[in-house]
């Protein structure tokens, strides 16, 4: 569901999930076949907005290299 939601956000958003198992690759690819209604997208966007983003993407050292 998370991958399906990300794919529905904008055509330029391309999630790149990591995996070690073929079954997970197939499962992740299945996200392209999950239809989300407008109501579902609204609900998921609202949930994501309430959850928010917490923490930095990188550790302190790597954050210091961003936008140099």
N, C-alpha and C. Protein backbone atom coordinates (compact mmCIF):
# COMPACT_ATOMS: atom_id res chain seq x y z
N UNK A 1 0.82 -1.18 0.00
CA UNK A 1 0.00 0.00 0.00
C UNK A 1 0.87 1.25 0.00
N UNK A 2 1.95 1.22 0.77
CA UNK A 2 2.81 2.40 0.82
C UNK A 2 3.41 2.70 -0.55
N UNK A 3 3.83 1.68 -1.25
CA UNK A 3 4.39 1.89 -2.59
C UNK A 3 3.31 2.37 -3.56
N UNK A 4 2.12 1.80 -3.47
CA UNK A 4 1.02 2.24 -4.34
C UNK A 4 0.70 3.70 -4.07
N UNK A 5 0.69 4.09 -2.81
CA UNK A 5 0.41 5.48 -2.45
C UNK A 5 1.50 6.41 -2.99
N UNK A 6 2.76 6.02 -2.83
CA UNK A 6 3.86 6.84 -3.37
C UNK A 6 3.75 6.99 -4.88
N UNK A 7 3.45 5.91 -5.58
CA UNK A 7 3.34 5.96 -7.03
C UNK A 7 2.20 6.87 -7.47
N UNK A 8 1.18 6.98 -6.65
CA UNK A 8 0.02 7.82 -6.99
C UNK A 8 0.26 9.30 -6.73
N UNK A 9 1.35 9.66 -6.06
CA UNK A 9 1.59 11.05 -5.70
C UNK A 9 1.92 11.93 -6.89
N UNK A 10 2.81 11.48 -7.75
CA UNK A 10 3.25 12.28 -8.89
C UNK A 10 4.06 11.38 -9.81
N UNK A 11 3.95 11.57 -11.13
CA UNK A 11 4.69 10.70 -12.06
C UNK A 11 6.21 10.74 -11.87
N UNK A 12 6.73 11.82 -11.30
CA UNK A 12 8.18 11.90 -11.13
C UNK A 12 8.68 11.22 -9.86
N UNK A 13 7.77 10.74 -9.03
CA UNK A 13 8.17 10.04 -7.81
C UNK A 13 8.34 8.56 -8.15
N UNK A 14 9.54 8.06 -7.93
CA UNK A 14 9.84 6.67 -8.24
C UNK A 14 10.49 6.04 -7.01
N UNK A 15 9.69 5.34 -6.19
CA UNK A 15 10.27 4.69 -5.02
C UNK A 15 11.22 3.57 -5.44
N UNK A 16 12.28 3.41 -4.69
CA UNK A 16 13.25 2.36 -4.97
C UNK A 16 13.42 1.53 -3.70
N UNK A 17 12.53 0.57 -3.50
CA UNK A 17 12.63 -0.25 -2.29
C UNK A 17 13.75 -1.27 -2.43
N UNK A 18 14.47 -1.49 -1.38
CA UNK A 18 15.52 -2.48 -1.38
C UNK A 18 14.98 -3.83 -0.96
N UNK A 19 15.52 -4.88 -1.50
CA UNK A 19 15.10 -6.22 -1.11
C UNK A 19 16.18 -7.23 -1.51
N UNK A 20 16.11 -8.38 -0.90
CA UNK A 20 17.06 -9.46 -1.21
C UNK A 20 16.35 -10.69 -1.77
N UNK A 21 15.05 -10.65 -1.80
CA UNK A 21 14.31 -11.84 -2.20
C UNK A 21 13.45 -11.56 -3.43
N UNK A 22 13.43 -12.53 -4.32
CA UNK A 22 12.63 -12.41 -5.55
C UNK A 22 11.16 -12.20 -5.22
N UNK A 23 10.67 -12.89 -4.21
CA UNK A 23 9.25 -12.76 -3.85
C UNK A 23 8.92 -11.32 -3.46
N UNK A 24 9.84 -10.64 -2.80
CA UNK A 24 9.62 -9.24 -2.41
C UNK A 24 9.63 -8.32 -3.62
N UNK A 25 10.49 -8.63 -4.60
CA UNK A 25 10.51 -7.83 -5.83
C UNK A 25 9.15 -7.93 -6.51
N UNK A 26 8.63 -9.14 -6.60
CA UNK A 26 7.33 -9.34 -7.22
C UNK A 26 6.23 -8.64 -6.43
N UNK A 27 6.31 -8.72 -5.11
CA UNK A 27 5.34 -8.05 -4.26
C UNK A 27 5.40 -6.53 -4.46
N UNK A 28 6.61 -5.98 -4.49
CA UNK A 28 6.77 -4.54 -4.70
C UNK A 28 6.25 -4.12 -6.07
N UNK A 29 6.52 -4.91 -7.09
CA UNK A 29 6.03 -4.60 -8.44
C UNK A 29 4.50 -4.63 -8.47
N UNK A 30 3.90 -5.41 -7.62
CA UNK A 30 2.44 -5.48 -7.53
C UNK A 30 1.81 -4.16 -7.14
N UNK A 31 2.59 -3.27 -6.55
CA UNK A 31 2.06 -1.96 -6.16
C UNK A 31 1.60 -1.17 -7.38
N UNK A 32 2.15 -1.48 -8.55
CA UNK A 32 1.73 -0.77 -9.76
C UNK A 32 0.34 -1.20 -10.21
N UNK A 33 -0.17 -2.28 -9.65
CA UNK A 33 -1.49 -2.79 -10.03
C UNK A 33 -2.54 -2.54 -8.95
N UNK A 34 -2.22 -1.72 -7.96
CA UNK A 34 -3.17 -1.43 -6.88
C UNK A 34 -3.90 -0.13 -7.21
N UNK A 35 -5.17 -0.23 -7.58
CA UNK A 35 -5.91 0.99 -7.87
C UNK A 35 -6.35 1.67 -6.57
N UNK A 36 -6.06 2.94 -6.45
CA UNK A 36 -6.49 3.69 -5.27
C UNK A 36 -7.51 4.73 -5.71
N UNK A 37 -8.66 4.71 -5.05
CA UNK A 37 -9.71 5.68 -5.38
C UNK A 37 -9.31 7.06 -4.86
N UNK A 38 -10.02 8.06 -5.32
CA UNK A 38 -9.77 9.43 -4.85
C UNK A 38 -9.98 9.52 -3.34
N UNK A 39 -11.00 8.84 -2.84
CA UNK A 39 -11.26 8.85 -1.38
C UNK A 39 -10.13 8.17 -0.62
N UNK A 40 -9.62 7.06 -1.15
CA UNK A 40 -8.52 6.37 -0.49
C UNK A 40 -7.27 7.24 -0.47
N UNK A 41 -6.99 7.90 -1.60
CA UNK A 41 -5.83 8.79 -1.65
C UNK A 41 -5.98 9.94 -0.67
N UNK A 42 -7.17 10.49 -0.58
CA UNK A 42 -7.42 11.57 0.38
C UNK A 42 -7.17 11.08 1.80
N UNK A 43 -7.69 9.91 2.13
CA UNK A 43 -7.49 9.35 3.47
C UNK A 43 -6.01 9.09 3.76
N UNK A 44 -5.30 8.51 2.79
CA UNK A 44 -3.88 8.22 2.99
C UNK A 44 -3.06 9.50 3.09
N UNK A 45 -3.38 10.49 2.28
CA UNK A 45 -2.68 11.78 2.36
C UNK A 45 -2.92 12.45 3.72
N UNK A 46 -4.15 12.37 4.21
CA UNK A 46 -4.46 12.94 5.52
C UNK A 46 -3.69 12.22 6.62
N UNK A 47 -3.64 10.91 6.54
CA UNK A 47 -2.89 10.12 7.53
C UNK A 47 -1.41 10.48 7.49
N UNK A 48 -0.85 10.58 6.29
CA UNK A 48 0.57 10.94 6.16
C UNK A 48 0.81 12.34 6.73
N UNK A 49 -0.12 13.24 6.51
CA UNK A 49 0.02 14.60 7.05
C UNK A 49 -0.03 14.62 8.57
N UNK A 50 -0.86 13.78 9.14
CA UNK A 50 -0.95 13.72 10.61
C UNK A 50 0.29 13.07 11.21
N UNK A 51 0.84 12.08 10.51
CA UNK A 51 2.01 11.37 11.00
C UNK A 51 3.24 12.26 10.94
N UNK A 52 3.40 12.96 9.83
CA UNK A 52 4.53 13.87 9.68
C UNK A 52 5.84 13.15 9.44
N UNK A 53 6.85 13.94 9.24
CA UNK A 53 8.20 13.41 9.02
C UNK A 53 9.01 13.66 10.28
N UNK A 54 9.67 12.63 10.73
CA UNK A 54 10.44 12.75 11.98
C UNK A 54 11.88 12.37 11.72
N UNK A 55 12.77 13.19 12.16
CA UNK A 55 14.19 12.88 12.05
C UNK A 55 14.77 13.26 10.70
N UNK A 56 16.07 13.26 10.65
CA UNK A 56 16.77 13.57 9.41
C UNK A 56 16.86 12.33 8.55
N UNK A 57 17.04 12.55 7.28
CA UNK A 57 17.18 11.44 6.35
C UNK A 57 18.52 10.74 6.54
N UNK A 58 19.54 11.51 6.85
CA UNK A 58 20.89 10.97 7.01
C UNK A 58 21.41 11.25 8.42
N UNK A 59 22.50 10.59 8.79
CA UNK A 59 23.11 10.88 10.08
C UNK A 59 23.78 12.26 10.02
N UNK A 60 24.27 12.74 11.14
CA UNK A 60 24.79 14.10 11.22
C UNK A 60 25.91 14.37 10.21
N UNK A 61 26.85 13.44 10.08
CA UNK A 61 27.95 13.62 9.14
C UNK A 61 27.43 13.78 7.72
N UNK A 62 26.56 12.87 7.30
CA UNK A 62 26.07 12.92 5.92
C UNK A 62 25.16 14.12 5.69
N UNK A 63 24.44 14.56 6.69
CA UNK A 63 23.63 15.77 6.57
C UNK A 63 24.52 16.98 6.28
N UNK A 64 25.72 16.98 6.85
CA UNK A 64 26.62 18.12 6.63
C UNK A 64 27.11 18.19 5.18
N UNK A 65 26.95 17.11 4.43
CA UNK A 65 27.37 17.08 3.03
C UNK A 65 26.25 17.46 2.06
N UNK A 66 25.05 17.59 2.57
CA UNK A 66 23.91 17.93 1.72
C UNK A 66 23.94 19.41 1.38
N UNK A 67 23.63 19.74 0.12
CA UNK A 67 23.57 21.13 -0.36
C UNK A 67 24.89 21.86 -0.21
N UNK A 68 25.99 21.21 -0.44
CA UNK A 68 27.30 21.86 -0.36
C UNK A 68 27.64 22.50 -1.68
